[in-house]
Amino acid sequence: ALQAIVNLIDHRMTLQEAVEAPRIWTEGGVLELEEAFPEAV
């Protein structure tokens, strides 16, 4: 939900883009990246 808010306010995405955009997650262990993030990143 935080990332969707950042998508809307900072990245100025449309609503559809904000809910569908690739996400990350971590609670302090591994960092999960959805597959749309480039391998270089």
ModelCIF file with pLDDT and N, C-alpha, C, O atoms, coordinates in Angstrom:
data_MODEL
#
_entry.id   MODEL 
#
_entity.id                         1 
_entity.type                       polymer 
_entity.pdbx_number_of_molecules   1 
#
_entity_poly.entity_id                      1 
_entity_poly.type                           'polypeptide(L)' 
_entity_poly.nstd_linkage                   no 
_entity_poly.nstd_monomer                   no 
_entity_poly.pdbx_seq_one_letter_code       ALQAIVNLIDHRMTLQEAVEAPRIWTEGGVLELEEAFPEAV 
_entity_poly.pdbx_seq_one_letter_code_can   ALQAIVNLIDHRMTLQEAVEAPRIWTEGGVLELEEAFPEAV 
_entity_poly.pdbx_strand_id                 A 
#
loop_
_entity_poly_seq.entity_id 
_entity_poly_seq.num 
_entity_poly_seq.mon_id 
_entity_poly_seq.hetero 
1 1  ALA n 
1 2  LEU n 
1 3  GLN n 
1 4  ALA n 
1 5  ILE n 
1 6  VAL n 
1 7  ASN n 
1 8  LEU n 
1 9  ILE n 
1 10 ASP n 
1 11 HIS n 
1 12 ARG n 
1 13 MET n 
1 14 THR n 
1 15 LEU n 
1 16 GLN n 
1 17 GLU n 
1 18 ALA n 
1 19 VAL n 
1 20 GLU n 
1 21 ALA n 
1 22 PRO n 
1 23 ARG n 
1 24 ILE n 
1 25 TRP n 
1 26 THR n 
1 27 GLU n 
1 28 GLY n 
1 29 GLY n 
1 30 VAL n 
1 31 LEU n 
1 32 GLU n 
1 33 LEU n 
1 34 GLU n 
1 35 GLU n 
1 36 ALA n 
1 37 PHE n 
1 38 PRO n 
1 39 GLU n 
1 40 ALA n 
1 41 VAL n 
#
_struct_asym.id          A 
_struct_asym.entity_id   1 
#
loop_
_ma_qa_metric.id 
_ma_qa_metric.mode 
_ma_qa_metric.name 
_ma_qa_metric.software_group_id 
_ma_qa_metric.type 
1 global pLDDT . pLDDT 
2 local  pLDDT . pLDDT 
#
_ma_qa_metric_global.metric_id      1 
_ma_qa_metric_global.metric_value   96.80 
_ma_qa_metric_global.model_id       1 
_ma_qa_metric_global.ordinal_id     1 
#
loop_
_ma_qa_metric_local.label_asym_id 
_ma_qa_metric_local.label_comp_id 
_ma_qa_metric_local.label_seq_id 
_ma_qa_metric_local.metric_id 
_ma_qa_metric_local.metric_value 
_ma_qa_metric_local.model_id 
_ma_qa_metric_local.ordinal_id 
A ALA 1  2 97.00 1 1  
A LEU 2  2 98.00 1 2  
A GLN 3  2 98.00 1 3  
A ALA 4  2 98.00 1 4  
A ILE 5  2 98.00 1 5  
A VAL 6  2 98.00 1 6  
A ASN 7  2 98.00 1 7  
A LEU 8  2 98.00 1 8  
A ILE 9  2 98.00 1 9  
A ASP 10 2 97.00 1 10 
A HIS 11 2 97.00 1 11 
A ARG 12 2 97.00 1 12 
A MET 13 2 97.00 1 13 
A THR 14 2 98.00 1 14 
A LEU 15 2 98.00 1 15 
A GLN 16 2 98.00 1 16 
A GLU 17 2 98.00 1 17 
A ALA 18 2 98.00 1 18 
A VAL 19 2 98.00 1 19 
A GLU 20 2 98.00 1 20 
A ALA 21 2 98.00 1 21 
A PRO 22 2 98.00 1 22 
A ARG 23 2 98.00 1 23 
A ILE 24 2 98.00 1 24 
A TRP 25 2 96.00 1 25 
A THR 26 2 95.00 1 26 
A GLU 27 2 91.00 1 27 
A GLY 28 2 92.00 1 28 
A GLY 29 2 90.00 1 29 
A VAL 30 2 94.00 1 30 
A LEU 31 2 97.00 1 31 
A GLU 32 2 97.00 1 32 
A LEU 33 2 98.00 1 33 
A GLU 34 2 97.00 1 34 
A GLU 35 2 95.00 1 35 
A ALA 36 2 96.00 1 36 
A PHE 37 2 97.00 1 37 
A PRO 38 2 96.00 1 38 
A GLU 39 2 97.00 1 39 
A ALA 40 2 97.00 1 40 
A VAL 41 2 97.00 1 41 
#
loop_
_atom_site.group_PDB 
_atom_site.id 
_atom_site.type_symbol 
_atom_site.label_atom_id 
_atom_site.label_alt_id 
_atom_site.label_comp_id 
_atom_site.label_asym_id 
_atom_site.label_entity_id 
_atom_site.label_seq_id 
_atom_site.pdbx_PDB_ins_code 
_atom_site.Cartn_x 
_atom_site.Cartn_y 
_atom_site.Cartn_z 
_atom_site.occupancy 
_atom_site.B_iso_or_equiv 
_atom_site.pdbx_formal_charge 
_atom_site.auth_seq_id 
_atom_site.auth_comp_id 
_atom_site.auth_asym_id 
_atom_site.auth_atom_id 
_atom_site.pdbx_PDB_model_num 
ATOM 1   N N  . ALA A 1 1  ? 0.834  -1.205  0.000   1.00 97.00 ? 1  ALA A N  1 
ATOM 2   C CA . ALA A 1 1  ? 0.000  0.000   0.000   1.00 97.00 ? 1  ALA A CA 1 
ATOM 3   C C  . ALA A 1 1  ? 0.869  1.256   0.000   1.00 97.00 ? 1  ALA A C  1 
ATOM 4   O O  . ALA A 1 1  ? 0.569  2.223   -0.699  1.00 97.00 ? 1  ALA A O  1 
ATOM 5   N N  . LEU A 1 2  ? 1.948  1.237   0.787   1.00 98.00 ? 2  LEU A N  1 
ATOM 6   C CA . LEU A 1 2  ? 2.906  2.353   0.775   1.00 98.00 ? 2  LEU A CA 1 
ATOM 7   C C  . LEU A 1 2  ? 3.412  2.612   -0.636  1.00 98.00 ? 2  LEU A C  1 
ATOM 8   O O  . LEU A 1 2  ? 3.450  3.759   -1.082  1.00 98.00 ? 2  LEU A O  1 
ATOM 9   N N  . GLN A 1 3  ? 3.804  1.545   -1.347  1.00 98.00 ? 3  GLN A N  1 
ATOM 10  C CA . GLN A 1 3  ? 4.363  1.711   -2.688  1.00 98.00 ? 3  GLN A CA 1 
ATOM 11  C C  . GLN A 1 3  ? 3.333  2.276   -3.658  1.00 98.00 ? 3  GLN A C  1 
ATOM 12  O O  . GLN A 1 3  ? 3.679  3.062   -4.539  1.00 98.00 ? 3  GLN A O  1 
ATOM 13  N N  . ALA A 1 4  ? 2.062  1.882   -3.504  1.00 98.00 ? 4  ALA A N  1 
ATOM 14  C CA . ALA A 1 4  ? 1.025  2.453   -4.366  1.00 98.00 ? 4  ALA A CA 1 
ATOM 15  C C  . ALA A 1 4  ? 0.872  3.948   -4.127  1.00 98.00 ? 4  ALA A C  1 
ATOM 16  O O  . ALA A 1 4  ? 0.699  4.716   -5.074  1.00 98.00 ? 4  ALA A O  1 
ATOM 17  N N  . ILE A 1 5  ? 0.935  4.370   -2.849  1.00 98.00 ? 5  ILE A N  1 
ATOM 18  C CA . ILE A 1 5  ? 0.833  5.796   -2.537  1.00 98.00 ? 5  ILE A CA 1 
ATOM 19  C C  . ILE A 1 5  ? 2.020  6.560   -3.124  1.00 98.00 ? 5  ILE A C  1 
ATOM 20  O O  . ILE A 1 5  ? 1.848  7.645   -3.679  1.00 98.00 ? 5  ILE A O  1 
ATOM 21  N N  . VAL A 1 6  ? 3.214  5.998   -3.002  1.00 98.00 ? 6  VAL A N  1 
ATOM 22  C CA . VAL A 1 6  ? 4.404  6.624   -3.597  1.00 98.00 ? 6  VAL A CA 1 
ATOM 23  C C  . VAL A 1 6  ? 4.281  6.676   -5.116  1.00 98.00 ? 6  VAL A C  1 
ATOM 24  O O  . VAL A 1 6  ? 4.662  7.665   -5.741  1.00 98.00 ? 6  VAL A O  1 
ATOM 25  N N  . ASN A 1 7  ? 3.742  5.598   -5.711  1.00 98.00 ? 7  ASN A N  1 
ATOM 26  C CA . ASN A 1 7  ? 3.539  5.591   -7.162  1.00 98.00 ? 7  ASN A CA 1 
ATOM 27  C C  . ASN A 1 7  ? 2.637  6.730   -7.608  1.00 98.00 ? 7  ASN A C  1 
ATOM 28  O O  . ASN A 1 7  ? 2.899  7.390   -8.613  1.00 98.00 ? 7  ASN A O  1 
ATOM 29  N N  . LEU A 1 8  ? 1.569  6.952   -6.845  1.00 98.00 ? 8  LEU A N  1 
ATOM 30  C CA . LEU A 1 8  ? 0.595  7.983   -7.218  1.00 98.00 ? 8  LEU A CA 1 
ATOM 31  C C  . LEU A 1 8  ? 1.144  9.390   -6.999  1.00 98.00 ? 8  LEU A C  1 
ATOM 32  O O  . LEU A 1 8  ? 0.974  10.261  -7.852  1.00 98.00 ? 8  LEU A O  1 
ATOM 33  N N  . ILE A 1 9  ? 1.803  9.618   -5.861  1.00 98.00 ? 9  ILE A N  1 
ATOM 34  C CA . ILE A 1 9  ? 2.236  10.972  -5.501  1.00 98.00 ? 9  ILE A CA 1 
ATOM 35  C C  . ILE A 1 9  ? 3.594  11.316  -6.109  1.00 98.00 ? 9  ILE A C  1 
ATOM 36  O O  . ILE A 1 9  ? 3.744  12.374  -6.721  1.00 98.00 ? 9  ILE A O  1 
ATOM 37  N N  . ASP A 1 10 ? 4.575  10.442  -5.950  1.00 97.00 ? 10 ASP A N  1 
ATOM 38  C CA . ASP A 1 10 ? 5.935  10.752  -6.399  1.00 97.00 ? 10 ASP A CA 1 
ATOM 39  C C  . ASP A 1 10 ? 6.151  10.438  -7.874  1.00 97.00 ? 10 ASP A C  1 
ATOM 40  O O  . ASP A 1 10 ? 6.724  11.243  -8.609  1.00 97.00 ? 10 ASP A O  1 
ATOM 41  N N  . HIS A 1 11 ? 5.696  9.276   -8.299  1.00 97.00 ? 11 HIS A N  1 
ATOM 42  C CA . HIS A 1 11 ? 5.920  8.873   -9.686  1.00 97.00 ? 11 HIS A CA 1 
ATOM 43  C C  . HIS A 1 11 ? 4.773  9.292   -10.616 1.00 97.00 ? 11 HIS A C  1 
ATOM 44  O O  . HIS A 1 11 ? 4.844  9.100   -11.830 1.00 97.00 ? 11 HIS A O  1 
ATOM 45  N N  . ARG A 1 12 ? 3.725  9.862   -10.032 1.00 97.00 ? 12 ARG A N  1 
ATOM 46  C CA . ARG A 1 12 ? 2.590  10.426  -10.783 1.00 97.00 ? 12 ARG A CA 1 
ATOM 47  C C  . ARG A 1 12 ? 2.011  9.418   -11.773 1.00 97.00 ? 12 ARG A C  1 
ATOM 48  O O  . ARG A 1 12 ? 1.713  9.752   -12.920 1.00 97.00 ? 12 ARG A O  1 
ATOM 49  N N  . MET A 1 13 ? 1.864  8.206   -11.317 1.00 97.00 ? 13 MET A N  1 
ATOM 50  C CA . MET A 1 13 ? 1.247  7.166   -12.134 1.00 97.00 ? 13 MET A CA 1 
ATOM 51  C C  . MET A 1 13 ? -0.253 7.349   -12.194 1.00 97.00 ? 13 MET A C  1 
ATOM 52  O O  . MET A 1 13 ? -0.848 7.985   -11.324 1.00 97.00 ? 13 MET A O  1 
ATOM 53  N N  . THR A 1 14 ? -0.863 6.784   -13.229 1.00 98.00 ? 14 THR A N  1 
ATOM 54  C CA . THR A 1 14 ? -2.310 6.669   -13.236 1.00 98.00 ? 14 THR A CA 1 
ATOM 55  C C  . THR A 1 14 ? -2.712 5.657   -12.170 1.00 98.00 ? 14 THR A C  1 
ATOM 56  O O  . THR A 1 14 ? -1.873 4.906   -11.675 1.00 98.00 ? 14 THR A O  1 
ATOM 57  N N  . LEU A 1 15 ? -3.991 5.638   -11.819 1.00 98.00 ? 15 LEU A N  1 
ATOM 58  C CA . LEU A 1 15 ? -4.456 4.687   -10.812 1.00 98.00 ? 15 LEU A CA 1 
ATOM 59  C C  . LEU A 1 15 ? -4.182 3.252   -11.252 1.00 98.00 ? 15 LEU A C  1 
ATOM 60  O O  . LEU A 1 15 ? -3.721 2.433   -10.456 1.00 98.00 ? 15 LEU A O  1 
ATOM 61  N N  . GLN A 1 16 ? -4.464 2.945   -12.519 1.00 98.00 ? 16 GLN A N  1 
ATOM 62  C CA . GLN A 1 16 ? -4.246 1.589   -13.015 1.00 98.00 ? 16 GLN A CA 1 
ATOM 63  C C  . GLN A 1 16 ? -2.768 1.213   -12.930 1.00 98.00 ? 16 GLN A C  1 
ATOM 64  O O  . GLN A 1 16 ? -2.428 0.101   -12.526 1.00 98.00 ? 16 GLN A O  1 
ATOM 65  N N  . GLU A 1 17 ? -1.905 2.129   -13.306 1.00 98.00 ? 17 GLU A N  1 
ATOM 66  C CA . GLU A 1 17 ? -0.470 1.863   -13.210 1.00 98.00 ? 17 GLU A CA 1 
ATOM 67  C C  . GLU A 1 17 ? -0.045 1.652   -11.757 1.00 98.00 ? 17 GLU A C  1 
ATOM 68  O O  . GLU A 1 17 ? 0.763  0.772   -11.462 1.00 98.00 ? 17 GLU A O  1 
ATOM 69  N N  . ALA A 1 18 ? -0.588 2.458   -10.863 1.00 98.00 ? 18 ALA A N  1 
ATOM 70  C CA . ALA A 1 18 ? -0.169 2.388   -9.458  1.00 98.00 ? 18 ALA A CA 1 
ATOM 71  C C  . ALA A 1 18 ? -0.496 1.050   -8.823  1.00 98.00 ? 18 ALA A C  1 
ATOM 72  O O  . ALA A 1 18 ? 0.291  0.539   -8.026  1.00 98.00 ? 18 ALA A O  1 
ATOM 73  N N  . VAL A 1 19 ? -1.657 0.464   -9.164  1.00 98.00 ? 19 VAL A N  1 
ATOM 74  C CA . VAL A 1 19 ? -2.026 -0.815  -8.555  1.00 98.00 ? 19 VAL A CA 1 
ATOM 75  C C  . VAL A 1 19 ? -1.330 -1.997  -9.229  1.00 98.00 ? 19 VAL A C  1 
ATOM 76  O O  . VAL A 1 19 ? -1.154 -3.045  -8.608  1.00 98.00 ? 19 VAL A O  1 
ATOM 77  N N  . GLU A 1 20 ? -0.935 -1.839  -10.491 1.00 98.00 ? 20 GLU A N  1 
ATOM 78  C CA . GLU A 1 20 ? -0.316 -2.954  -11.215 1.00 98.00 ? 20 GLU A CA 1 
ATOM 79  C C  . GLU A 1 20 ? 1.209  -2.901  -11.202 1.00 98.00 ? 20 GLU A C  1 
ATOM 80  O O  . GLU A 1 20 ? 1.848  -3.886  -11.571 1.00 98.00 ? 20 GLU A O  1 
ATOM 81  N N  . ALA A 1 21 ? 1.799  -1.812  -10.801 1.00 98.00 ? 21 ALA A N  1 
ATOM 82  C CA . ALA A 1 21 ? 3.254  -1.649  -10.851 1.00 98.00 ? 21 ALA A CA 1 
ATOM 83  C C  . ALA A 1 21 ? 3.962  -2.748  -10.060 1.00 98.00 ? 21 ALA A C  1 
ATOM 84  O O  . ALA A 1 21 ? 3.442  -3.206  -9.043  1.00 98.00 ? 21 ALA A O  1 
ATOM 85  N N  . PRO A 1 22 ? 5.134  -3.171  -10.512 1.00 98.00 ? 22 PRO A N  1 
ATOM 86  C CA . PRO A 1 22 ? 5.887  -4.180  -9.772  1.00 98.00 ? 22 PRO A CA 1 
ATOM 87  C C  . PRO A 1 22 ? 6.251  -3.699  -8.375  1.00 98.00 ? 22 PRO A C  1 
ATOM 88  O O  . PRO A 1 22 ? 6.463  -2.509  -8.143  1.00 98.00 ? 22 PRO A O  1 
ATOM 89  N N  . ARG A 1 23 ? 6.320  -4.660  -7.442  1.00 98.00 ? 23 ARG A N  1 
ATOM 90  C CA . ARG A 1 23 ? 6.504  -4.354  -6.027  1.00 98.00 ? 23 ARG A CA 1 
ATOM 91  C C  . ARG A 1 23 ? 7.766  -5.012  -5.474  1.00 98.00 ? 23 ARG A C  1 
ATOM 92  O O  . ARG A 1 23 ? 8.329  -5.937  -6.059  1.00 98.00 ? 23 ARG A O  1 
ATOM 93  N N  . ILE A 1 24 ? 8.181  -4.495  -4.324  1.00 98.00 ? 24 ILE A N  1 
ATOM 94  C CA . ILE A 1 24 ? 9.270  -5.107  -3.557  1.00 98.00 ? 24 ILE A CA 1 
ATOM 95  C C  . ILE A 1 24 ? 8.735  -5.431  -2.172  1.00 98.00 ? 24 ILE A C  1 
ATOM 96  O O  . ILE A 1 24 ? 7.668  -4.962  -1.775  1.00 98.00 ? 24 ILE A O  1 
ATOM 97  N N  . TRP A 1 25 ? 9.507  -6.254  -1.433  1.00 96.00 ? 25 TRP A N  1 
ATOM 98  C CA . TRP A 1 25 ? 9.158  -6.504  -0.036  1.00 96.00 ? 25 TRP A CA 1 
ATOM 99  C C  . TRP A 1 25 ? 10.367 -7.026  0.708   1.00 96.00 ? 25 TRP A C  1 
ATOM 100 O O  . TRP A 1 25 ? 11.147 -7.819  0.181   1.00 96.00 ? 25 TRP A O  1 
ATOM 101 N N  . THR A 1 26 ? 10.511 -6.571  1.938   1.00 95.00 ? 26 THR A N  1 
ATOM 102 C CA . THR A 1 26 ? 11.470 -7.138  2.877   1.00 95.00 ? 26 THR A CA 1 
ATOM 103 C C  . THR A 1 26 ? 11.014 -6.785  4.279   1.00 95.00 ? 26 THR A C  1 
ATOM 104 O O  . THR A 1 26 ? 10.394 -5.744  4.496   1.00 95.00 ? 26 THR A O  1 
ATOM 105 N N  . GLU A 1 27 ? 11.323 -7.659  5.233   1.00 91.00 ? 27 GLU A N  1 
ATOM 106 C CA . GLU A 1 27 ? 11.113 -7.316  6.645   1.00 91.00 ? 27 GLU A CA 1 
ATOM 107 C C  . GLU A 1 27 ? 12.437 -7.313  7.391   1.00 91.00 ? 27 GLU A C  1 
ATOM 108 O O  . GLU A 1 27 ? 12.472 -7.276  8.621   1.00 91.00 ? 27 GLU A O  1 
ATOM 109 N N  . GLY A 1 28 ? 13.543 -7.353  6.620   1.00 92.00 ? 28 GLY A N  1 
ATOM 110 C CA . GLY A 1 28 ? 14.859 -7.341  7.229   1.00 92.00 ? 28 GLY A CA 1 
ATOM 111 C C  . GLY A 1 28 ? 15.721 -8.504  6.811   1.00 92.00 ? 28 GLY A C  1 
ATOM 112 O O  . GLY A 1 28 ? 16.931 -8.498  7.035   1.00 92.00 ? 28 GLY A O  1 
ATOM 113 N N  . GLY A 1 29 ? 15.102 -9.515  6.198   1.00 90.00 ? 29 GLY A N  1 
ATOM 114 C CA . GLY A 1 29 ? 15.857 -10.645 5.666   1.00 90.00 ? 29 GLY A CA 1 
ATOM 115 C C  . GLY A 1 29 ? 16.093 -10.452 4.177   1.00 90.00 ? 29 GLY A C  1 
ATOM 116 O O  . GLY A 1 29 ? 16.713 -9.473  3.763   1.00 90.00 ? 29 GLY A O  1 
ATOM 117 N N  . VAL A 1 30 ? 15.597 -11.390 3.370   1.00 94.00 ? 30 VAL A N  1 
ATOM 118 C CA . VAL A 1 30 ? 15.768 -11.275 1.928   1.00 94.00 ? 30 VAL A CA 1 
ATOM 119 C C  . VAL A 1 30 ? 14.948 -10.104 1.391   1.00 94.00 ? 30 VAL A C  1 
ATOM 120 O O  . VAL A 1 30 ? 13.981 -9.669  2.017   1.00 94.00 ? 30 VAL A O  1 
ATOM 121 N N  . LEU A 1 31 ? 15.345 -9.607  0.235   1.00 97.00 ? 31 LEU A N  1 
ATOM 122 C CA . LEU A 1 31 ? 14.624 -8.551  -0.477  1.00 97.00 ? 31 LEU A CA 1 
ATOM 123 C C  . LEU A 1 31 ? 13.957 -9.173  -1.694  1.00 97.00 ? 31 LEU A C  1 
ATOM 124 O O  . LEU A 1 31 ? 14.626 -9.582  -2.643  1.00 97.00 ? 31 LEU A O  1 
ATOM 125 N N  . GLU A 1 32 ? 12.635 -9.239  -1.656  1.00 97.00 ? 32 GLU A N  1 
ATOM 126 C CA . GLU A 1 32 ? 11.885 -9.805  -2.776  1.00 97.00 ? 32 GLU A CA 1 
ATOM 127 C C  . GLU A 1 32 ? 11.647 -8.727  -3.829  1.00 97.00 ? 32 GLU A C  1 
ATOM 128 O O  . GLU A 1 32 ? 11.218 -7.618  -3.507  1.00 97.00 ? 32 GLU A O  1 
ATOM 129 N N  . LEU A 1 33 ? 11.927 -9.058  -5.084  1.00 98.00 ? 33 LEU A N  1 
ATOM 130 C CA . LEU A 1 33 ? 11.651 -8.179  -6.222  1.00 98.00 ? 33 LEU A CA 1 
ATOM 131 C C  . LEU A 1 33 ? 10.756 -8.918  -7.195  1.00 98.00 ? 33 LEU A C  1 
ATOM 132 O O  . LEU A 1 33 ? 11.043 -10.054 -7.573  1.00 98.00 ? 33 LEU A O  1 
ATOM 133 N N  . GLU A 1 34 ? 9.665  -8.274  -7.603  1.00 97.00 ? 34 GLU A N  1 
ATOM 134 C CA . GLU A 1 34 ? 8.879  -8.876  -8.682  1.00 97.00 ? 34 GLU A CA 1 
ATOM 135 C C  . GLU A 1 34 ? 9.685  -8.860  -9.978  1.00 97.00 ? 34 GLU A C  1 
ATOM 136 O O  . GLU A 1 34 ? 10.658 -8.119  -10.117 1.00 97.00 ? 34 GLU A O  1 
ATOM 137 N N  . GLU A 1 35 ? 9.260  -9.686  -10.908 1.00 95.00 ? 35 GLU A N  1 
ATOM 138 C CA . GLU A 1 35 ? 10.087 -9.987  -12.067 1.00 95.00 ? 35 GLU A CA 1 
ATOM 139 C C  . GLU A 1 35 ? 10.280 -8.824  -13.030 1.00 95.00 ? 35 GLU A C  1 
ATOM 140 O O  . GLU A 1 35 ? 11.200 -8.861  -13.847 1.00 95.00 ? 35 GLU A O  1 
ATOM 141 N N  . ALA A 1 36 ? 9.433  -7.784  -12.962 1.00 96.00 ? 36 ALA A N  1 
ATOM 142 C CA . ALA A 1 36 ? 9.559  -6.667  -13.899 1.00 96.00 ? 36 ALA A CA 1 
ATOM 143 C C  . ALA A 1 36 ? 10.748 -5.761  -13.592 1.00 96.00 ? 36 ALA A C  1 
ATOM 144 O O  . ALA A 1 36 ? 11.128 -4.947  -14.434 1.00 96.00 ? 36 ALA A O  1 
ATOM 145 N N  . PHE A 1 37 ? 11.342 -5.883  -12.407 1.00 97.00 ? 37 PHE A N  1 
ATOM 146 C CA . PHE A 1 37 ? 12.520 -5.075  -12.127 1.00 97.00 ? 37 PHE A CA 1 
ATOM 147 C C  . PHE A 1 37 ? 13.698 -5.600  -12.949 1.00 97.00 ? 37 PHE A C  1 
ATOM 148 O O  . PHE A 1 37 ? 13.933 -6.808  -12.978 1.00 97.00 ? 37 PHE A O  1 
ATOM 149 N N  . PRO A 1 38 ? 14.443 -4.713  -13.616 1.00 96.00 ? 38 PRO A N  1 
ATOM 150 C CA . PRO A 1 38 ? 15.540 -5.159  -14.483 1.00 96.00 ? 38 PRO A CA 1 
ATOM 151 C C  . PRO A 1 38 ? 16.610 -5.928  -13.707 1.00 96.00 ? 38 PRO A C  1 
ATOM 152 O O  . PRO A 1 38 ? 16.843 -5.675  -12.525 1.00 96.00 ? 38 PRO A O  1 
ATOM 153 N N  . GLU A 1 39 ? 17.243 -6.853  -14.384 1.00 97.00 ? 39 GLU A N  1 
ATOM 154 C CA . GLU A 1 39 ? 18.300 -7.644  -13.752 1.00 97.00 ? 39 GLU A CA 1 
ATOM 155 C C  . GLU A 1 39 ? 19.453 -6.764  -13.297 1.00 97.00 ? 39 GLU A C  1 
ATOM 156 O O  . GLU A 1 39 ? 20.086 -7.044  -12.279 1.00 97.00 ? 39 GLU A O  1 
ATOM 157 N N  . ALA A 1 40 ? 19.731 -5.697  -14.051 1.00 97.00 ? 40 ALA A N  1 
ATOM 158 C CA . ALA A 1 40 ? 20.811 -4.798  -13.655 1.00 97.00 ? 40 ALA A CA 1 
ATOM 159 C C  . ALA A 1 40 ? 20.527 -4.156  -12.296 1.00 97.00 ? 40 ALA A C  1 
ATOM 160 O O  . ALA A 1 40 ? 21.444 -3.958  -11.499 1.00 97.00 ? 40 ALA A O  1 
ATOM 161 N N  . VAL A 1 41 ? 19.263 -3.832  -12.032 1.00 97.00 ? 41 VAL A N  1 
ATOM 162 C CA . VAL A 1 41 ? 18.890 -3.265  -10.740 1.00 97.00 ? 41 VAL A CA 1 
ATOM 163 C C  . VAL A 1 41 ? 19.048 -4.312  -9.645  1.00 97.00 ? 41 VAL A C  1 
ATOM 164 O O  . VAL A 1 41 ? 18.782 -4.028  -8.477  1.00 97.00 ? 41 VAL A O  1 
#
